[in-house]
């Protein structure tokens, strides 16, 4: 009976790890998406500041 329990435990452990891996991957992708969006907003902000500065220089000419 002990061997059967060990086999069942190992079998279920394989599926448990697969589910954990999927959850970790979803969490990783979520954080990566948030960081990507944050960096895109920072880049847009930097570009708008640059455009503003260039616009002011052009108006002075």
PDB file of N, CA and C in Angstrom:
ATOM      1  N   UNK A   1       0.814  -1.201   0.000  1.00  0.00           N
ATOM      2  CA  UNK A   1       0.000   0.000   0.000  1.00  0.00           C
ATOM      3  C   UNK A   1       0.859   1.267   0.000  1.00  0.00           C
ATOM      4  N   UNK A   2       2.002   1.211   0.655  1.00  0.00           N
ATOM      5  CA  UNK A   2       2.877   2.365   0.730  1.00  0.00           C
ATOM      6  C   UNK A   2       3.403   2.740  -0.652  1.00  0.00           C
ATOM      7  N   UNK A   3       3.761   1.770  -1.454  1.00  0.00           N
ATOM      8  CA  UNK A   3       4.257   2.057  -2.798  1.00  0.00           C
ATOM      9  C   UNK A   3       3.190   2.725  -3.639  1.00  0.00           C
ATOM     10  N   UNK A   4       1.951   2.301  -3.476  1.00  0.00           N
ATOM     11  CA  UNK A   4       0.850   2.905  -4.222  1.00  0.00           C
ATOM     12  C   UNK A   4       0.678   4.366  -3.810  1.00  0.00           C
ATOM     13  N   UNK A   5       0.743   4.647  -2.536  1.00  0.00           N
ATOM     14  CA  UNK A   5       0.621   6.027  -2.056  1.00  0.00           C
ATOM     15  C   UNK A   5       1.774   6.897  -2.578  1.00  0.00           C
ATOM     16  N   UNK A   6       2.948   6.348  -2.591  1.00  0.00           N
ATOM     17  CA  UNK A   6       4.106   7.090  -3.109  1.00  0.00           C
ATOM     18  C   UNK A   6       3.912   7.393  -4.587  1.00  0.00           C
ATOM     19  N   UNK A   7       3.465   6.399  -5.335  1.00  0.00           N
ATOM     20  CA  UNK A   7       3.243   6.583  -6.771  1.00  0.00           C
ATOM     21  C   UNK A   7       2.171   7.642  -7.025  1.00  0.00           C
ATOM     22  N   UNK A   8       1.081   7.569  -6.271  1.00  0.00           N
ATOM     23  CA  UNK A   8      -0.002   8.555  -6.421  1.00  0.00           C
ATOM     24  C   UNK A   8       0.501   9.945  -6.048  1.00  0.00           C
ATOM     25  N   UNK A   9       1.255  10.038  -4.968  1.00  0.00           N
ATOM     26  CA  UNK A   9       1.797  11.319  -4.529  1.00  0.00           C
ATOM     27  C   UNK A   9       2.697  11.925  -5.585  1.00  0.00           C
ATOM     28  N   UNK A  10       3.556  11.108  -6.163  1.00  0.00           N
ATOM     29  CA  UNK A  10       4.443  11.598  -7.218  1.00  0.00           C
ATOM     30  C   UNK A  10       3.665  12.026  -8.449  1.00  0.00           C
ATOM     31  N   UNK A  11       2.668  11.243  -8.802  1.00  0.00           N
ATOM     32  CA  UNK A  11       1.835  11.549  -9.963  1.00  0.00           C
ATOM     33  C   UNK A  11       1.127  12.889  -9.772  1.00  0.00           C
ATOM     34  N   UNK A  12       0.535  13.068  -8.596  1.00  0.00           N
ATOM     35  CA  UNK A  12      -0.165  14.320  -8.317  1.00  0.00           C
ATOM     36  C   UNK A  12       0.815  15.485  -8.199  1.00  0.00           C
ATOM     37  N   UNK A  13       2.021  15.217  -7.721  1.00  0.00           N
ATOM     38  CA  UNK A  13       3.036  16.251  -7.617  1.00  0.00           C
ATOM     39  C   UNK A  13       3.440  16.819  -8.959  1.00  0.00           C
ATOM     40  N   UNK A  14       3.458  15.965  -9.957  1.00  0.00           N
ATOM     41  CA  UNK A  14       3.798  16.415 -11.313  1.00  0.00           C
ATOM     42  C   UNK A  14       2.786  17.450 -11.785  1.00  0.00           C
ATOM     43  N   UNK A  15       1.497  17.178 -11.587  1.00  0.00           N
ATOM     44  CA  UNK A  15       0.460  18.108 -12.027  1.00  0.00           C
ATOM     45  C   UNK A  15       0.440  19.357 -11.159  1.00  0.00           C
ATOM     46  N   UNK A  16       0.729  19.196  -9.881  1.00  0.00           N
ATOM     47  CA  UNK A  16       0.788  20.351  -8.989  1.00  0.00           C
ATOM     48  C   UNK A  16       1.886  21.318  -9.397  1.00  0.00           C
ATOM     49  N   UNK A  17       3.053  20.774  -9.761  1.00  0.00           N
ATOM     50  CA  UNK A  17       4.157  21.619 -10.211  1.00  0.00           C
ATOM     51  C   UNK A  17       3.823  22.315 -11.522  1.00  0.00           C
ATOM     52  N   UNK A  18       3.150  21.605 -12.394  1.00  0.00           N
ATOM     53  CA  UNK A  18       2.772  22.219 -13.673  1.00  0.00           C
ATOM     54  C   UNK A  18       1.838  23.403 -13.429  1.00  0.00           C
ATOM     55  N   UNK A  19       0.913  23.241 -12.510  1.00  0.00           N
ATOM     56  CA  UNK A  19      -0.015  24.331 -12.188  1.00  0.00           C
ATOM     57  C   UNK A  19       0.742  25.493 -11.542  1.00  0.00           C
ATOM     58  N   UNK A  20       1.673  25.189 -10.652  1.00  0.00           N
ATOM     59  CA  UNK A  20       2.479  26.241 -10.028  1.00  0.00           C
ATOM     60  C   UNK A  20       3.282  26.989 -11.087  1.00  0.00           C
ATOM     61  N   UNK A  21       3.842  26.260 -12.015  1.00  0.00           N
ATOM     62  CA  UNK A  21       4.618  26.897 -13.084  1.00  0.00           C
ATOM     63  C   UNK A  21       3.748  27.817 -13.917  1.00  0.00           C
ATOM     64  N   UNK A  22       2.519  27.400 -14.199  1.00  0.00           N
ATOM     65  CA  UNK A  22       1.602  28.241 -14.961  1.00  0.00           C
ATOM     66  C   UNK A  22       1.261  29.510 -14.194  1.00  0.00           C
ATOM     67  N   UNK A  23       1.034  29.386 -12.886  1.00  0.00           N
ATOM     68  CA  UNK A  23       0.723  30.558 -12.068  1.00  0.00           C
ATOM     69  C   UNK A  23       1.905  31.511 -12.016  1.00  0.00           C
ATOM     70  N   UNK A  24       3.092  30.976 -11.872  1.00  0.00           N
ATOM     71  CA  UNK A  24       4.298  31.813 -11.841  1.00  0.00           C
ATOM     72  C   UNK A  24       4.480  32.509 -13.187  1.00  0.00           C
ATOM     73  N   UNK A  25       4.237  31.788 -14.269  1.00  0.00           N
ATOM     74  CA  UNK A  25       4.368  32.387 -15.600  1.00  0.00           C
ATOM     75  C   UNK A  25       3.352  33.505 -15.796  1.00  0.00           C
ATOM     76  N   UNK A  26       2.107  33.295 -15.367  1.00  0.00           N
ATOM     77  CA  UNK A  26       1.085  34.347 -15.468  1.00  0.00           C
ATOM     78  C   UNK A  26       1.496  35.573 -14.654  1.00  0.00           C
ATOM     79  N   UNK A  27       1.994  35.347 -13.450  1.00  0.00           N
ATOM     80  CA  UNK A  27       2.427  36.444 -12.587  1.00  0.00           C
ATOM     81  C   UNK A  27       3.593  37.201 -13.234  1.00  0.00           C
ATOM     82  N   UNK A  28       4.547  36.471 -13.771  1.00  0.00           N
ATOM     83  CA  UNK A  28       5.694  37.079 -14.446  1.00  0.00           C
ATOM     84  C   UNK A  28       5.246  37.921 -15.632  1.00  0.00           C
ATOM     85  N   UNK A  29       4.363  37.354 -16.445  1.00  0.00           N
ATOM     86  CA  UNK A  29       3.875  38.087 -17.618  1.00  0.00           C
ATOM     87  C   UNK A  29       3.124  39.350 -17.211  1.00  0.00           C
ATOM     88  N   UNK A  30       2.359  39.260 -16.141  1.00  0.00           N
ATOM     89  CA  UNK A  30       1.617  40.416 -15.645  1.00  0.00           C
ATOM     90  C   UNK A  30       2.569  41.535 -15.229  1.00  0.00           C
ATOM     91  N   UNK A  31       3.595  41.177 -14.471  1.00  0.00           N
ATOM     92  CA  UNK A  31       4.565  42.187 -14.040  1.00  0.00           C
ATOM     93  C   UNK A  31       5.336  42.756 -15.221  1.00  0.00           C
ATOM     94  N   UNK A  32       5.690  41.907 -16.161  1.00  0.00           N
ATOM     95  CA  UNK A  32       6.392  42.367 -17.354  1.00  0.00           C
ATOM     96  C   UNK A  32       5.534  43.348 -18.152  1.00  0.00           C
ATOM     97  N   UNK A  33       4.253  43.054 -18.276  1.00  0.00           N
ATOM     98  CA  UNK A  33       3.331  43.942 -18.984  1.00  0.00           C
ATOM     99  C   UNK A  33       3.228  45.296 -18.282  1.00  0.00           C
ATOM    100  N   UNK A  34       3.118  45.271 -16.950  1.00  0.00           N
ATOM    101  CA  UNK A  34       3.023  46.524 -16.194  1.00  0.00           C
ATOM    102  C   UNK A  34       4.296  47.362 -16.364  1.00  0.00           C
ATOM    103  N   UNK A  35       5.453  46.713 -16.280  1.00  0.00           N
ATOM    104  CA  UNK A  35       6.710  47.438 -16.451  1.00  0.00           C
ATOM    105  C   UNK A  35       6.845  47.994 -17.866  1.00  0.00           C
ATOM    106  N   UNK A  36       6.403  47.229 -18.839  1.00  0.00           N
ATOM    107  CA  UNK A  36       6.458  47.694 -20.229  1.00  0.00           C
ATOM    108  C   UNK A  36       5.599  48.939 -20.410  1.00  0.00           C
ATOM    109  N   UNK A  37       4.366  48.884 -19.883  1.00  0.00           N
ATOM    110  CA  UNK A  37       3.467  50.038 -19.994  1.00  0.00           C
ATOM    111  C   UNK A  37       4.038  51.253 -19.270  1.00  0.00           C
ATOM    112  N   UNK A  38       4.635  51.022 -18.110  1.00  0.00           N
ATOM    113  CA  UNK A  38       5.239  52.115 -17.346  1.00  0.00           C
ATOM    114  C   UNK A  38       6.380  52.756 -18.136  1.00  0.00           C
ATOM    115  N   UNK A  39       7.211  51.936 -18.739  1.00  0.00           N
ATOM    116  CA  UNK A  39       8.342  52.464 -19.517  1.00  0.00           C
ATOM    117  C   UNK A  39       7.872  53.178 -20.775  1.00  0.00           C
ATOM    118  N   UNK A  40       6.812  52.696 -21.387  1.00  0.00           N
ATOM    119  CA  UNK A  40       6.261  53.378 -22.568  1.00  0.00           C
ATOM    120  C   UNK A  40       5.766  54.765 -22.167  1.00  0.00           C
ATOM    121  N   UNK A  41       5.088  54.857 -21.012  1.00  0.00           N
ATOM    122  CA  UNK A  41       4.603  56.158 -20.549  1.00  0.00           C
ATOM    123  C   UNK A  41       5.765  57.098 -20.236  1.00  0.00           C
ATOM    124  N   UNK A  42       6.825  56.562 -19.633  1.00  0.00           N
ATOM    125  CA  UNK A  42       7.998  57.393 -19.349  1.00  0.00           C
ATOM    126  C   UNK A  42       8.616  57.903 -20.644  1.00  0.00           C
ATOM    127  N   UNK A  43       8.694  57.043 -21.639  1.00  0.00           N
ATOM    128  CA  UNK A  43       9.267  57.436 -22.929  1.00  0.00           C
ATOM    129  C   UNK A  43       8.408  58.507 -23.584  1.00  0.00           C
ATOM    130  N   UNK A  44       7.088  58.340 -23.524  1.00  0.00           N
ATOM    131  CA  UNK A  44       6.194  59.348 -24.098  1.00  0.00           C
ATOM    132  C   UNK A  44       6.380  60.679 -23.388  1.00  0.00           C
ATOM    133  N   UNK A  45       6.525  60.621 -22.084  1.00  0.00           N
ATOM    134  CA  UNK A  45       6.719  61.837 -21.304  1.00  0.00           C
ATOM    135  C   UNK A  45       8.028  62.518 -21.690  1.00  0.00           C
ATOM    136  N   UNK A  46       9.074  61.735 -21.812  1.00  0.00           N
ATOM    137  CA  UNK A  46      10.376  62.292 -22.190  1.00  0.00           C
ATOM    138  C   UNK A  46      10.317  62.891 -23.596  1.00  0.00           C
ATOM    139  N   UNK A  47       9.637  62.211 -24.501  1.00  0.00           N
ATOM    140  CA  UNK A  47       9.523  62.728 -25.864  1.00  0.00           C
ATOM    141  C   UNK A  47       8.706  64.012 -25.904  1.00  0.00           C
ATOM    142  N   UNK A  48       7.660  64.089 -25.114  1.00  0.00           N
ATOM    143  CA  UNK A  48       6.852  65.309 -25.113  1.00  0.00           C
ATOM    144  C   UNK A  48       7.649  66.477 -24.530  1.00  0.00           C
ATOM    145  N   UNK A  49       8.466  66.213 -23.507  1.00  0.00           N
ATOM    146  CA  UNK A  49       9.315  67.281 -22.957  1.00  0.00           C
ATOM    147  C   UNK A  49      10.321  67.731 -24.014  1.00  0.00           C
ATOM    148  N   UNK A  50      10.885  66.778 -24.732  1.00  0.00           N
ATOM    149  CA  UNK A  50      11.847  67.101 -25.785  1.00  0.00           C
ATOM    150  C   UNK A  50      11.167  67.925 -26.875  1.00  0.00           C
ATOM    151  N   UNK A  51       9.984  67.506 -27.294  1.00  0.00           N
ATOM    152  CA  UNK A  51       9.240  68.261 -28.309  1.00  0.00           C
ATOM    153  C   UNK A  51       8.933  69.674 -27.825  1.00  0.00           C
ATOM    154  N   UNK A  52       8.585  69.806 -26.550  1.00  0.00           N
ATOM    155  CA  UNK A  52       8.300  71.117 -25.985  1.00  0.00           C
ATOM    156  C   UNK A  52       9.541  72.005 -26.052  1.00  0.00           C
ATOM    157  N   UNK A  53      10.696  71.448 -25.664  1.00  0.00           N
ATOM    158  CA  UNK A  53      11.931  72.227 -25.690  1.00  0.00           C
ATOM    159  C   UNK A  53      12.318  72.614 -27.112  1.00  0.00           C
ATOM    160  N   UNK A  54      12.215  71.685 -28.035  1.00  0.00           N
ATOM    161  CA  UNK A  54      12.543  71.964 -29.434  1.00  0.00           C
ATOM    162  C   UNK A  54      11.591  73.020 -29.981  1.00  0.00           C
ATOM    163  N   UNK A  55      10.331  72.912 -29.602  1.00  0.00           N
ATOM    164  CA  UNK A  55       9.344  73.900 -30.061  1.00  0.00           C
ATOM    165  C   UNK A  55       9.681  75.288 -29.572  1.00  0.00           C
ATOM    166  N   UNK A  56      10.137  75.390 -28.327  1.00  0.00           N
ATOM    167  CA  UNK A  56      10.514  76.706 -27.794  1.00  0.00           C
ATOM    168  C   UNK A  56      11.734  77.257 -28.500  1.00  0.00           C
ATOM    169  N   UNK A  57      12.688  76.414 -28.860  1.00  0.00           N
ATOM    170  CA  UNK A  57      13.879  76.879 -29.574  1.00  0.00           C
ATOM    171  C   UNK A  57      13.493  77.364 -30.960  1.00  0.00           C
ATOM    172  N   UNK A  58      12.607  76.670 -31.622  1.00  0.00           N
ATOM    173  CA  UNK A  58      12.200  77.057 -32.982  1.00  0.00           C
ATOM    174  C   UNK A  58      11.459  78.400 -32.963  1.00  0.00           C
ATOM    175  N   UNK A  59      10.668  78.636 -31.933  1.00  0.00           N
ATOM    176  CA  UNK A  59       9.916  79.886 -31.866  1.00  0.00           C
ATOM    177  C   UNK A  59      10.841  81.086 -31.673  1.00  0.00           C
ATOM    178  N   UNK A  60      11.985  80.875 -31.037  1.00  0.00           N
ATOM    179  CA  UNK A  60      12.906  81.981 -30.793  1.00  0.00           C
ATOM    180  C   UNK A  60      13.640  82.387 -32.061  1.00  0.00           C
ATOM    181  N   UNK A  61      13.751  81.459 -33.008  1.00  0.00           N
ATOM    182  CA  UNK A  61      14.509  81.773 -34.242  1.00  0.00           C
ATOM    183  C   UNK A  61      13.798  82.725 -35.122  1.00  0.00           C
TER     184      UNK A  61
END
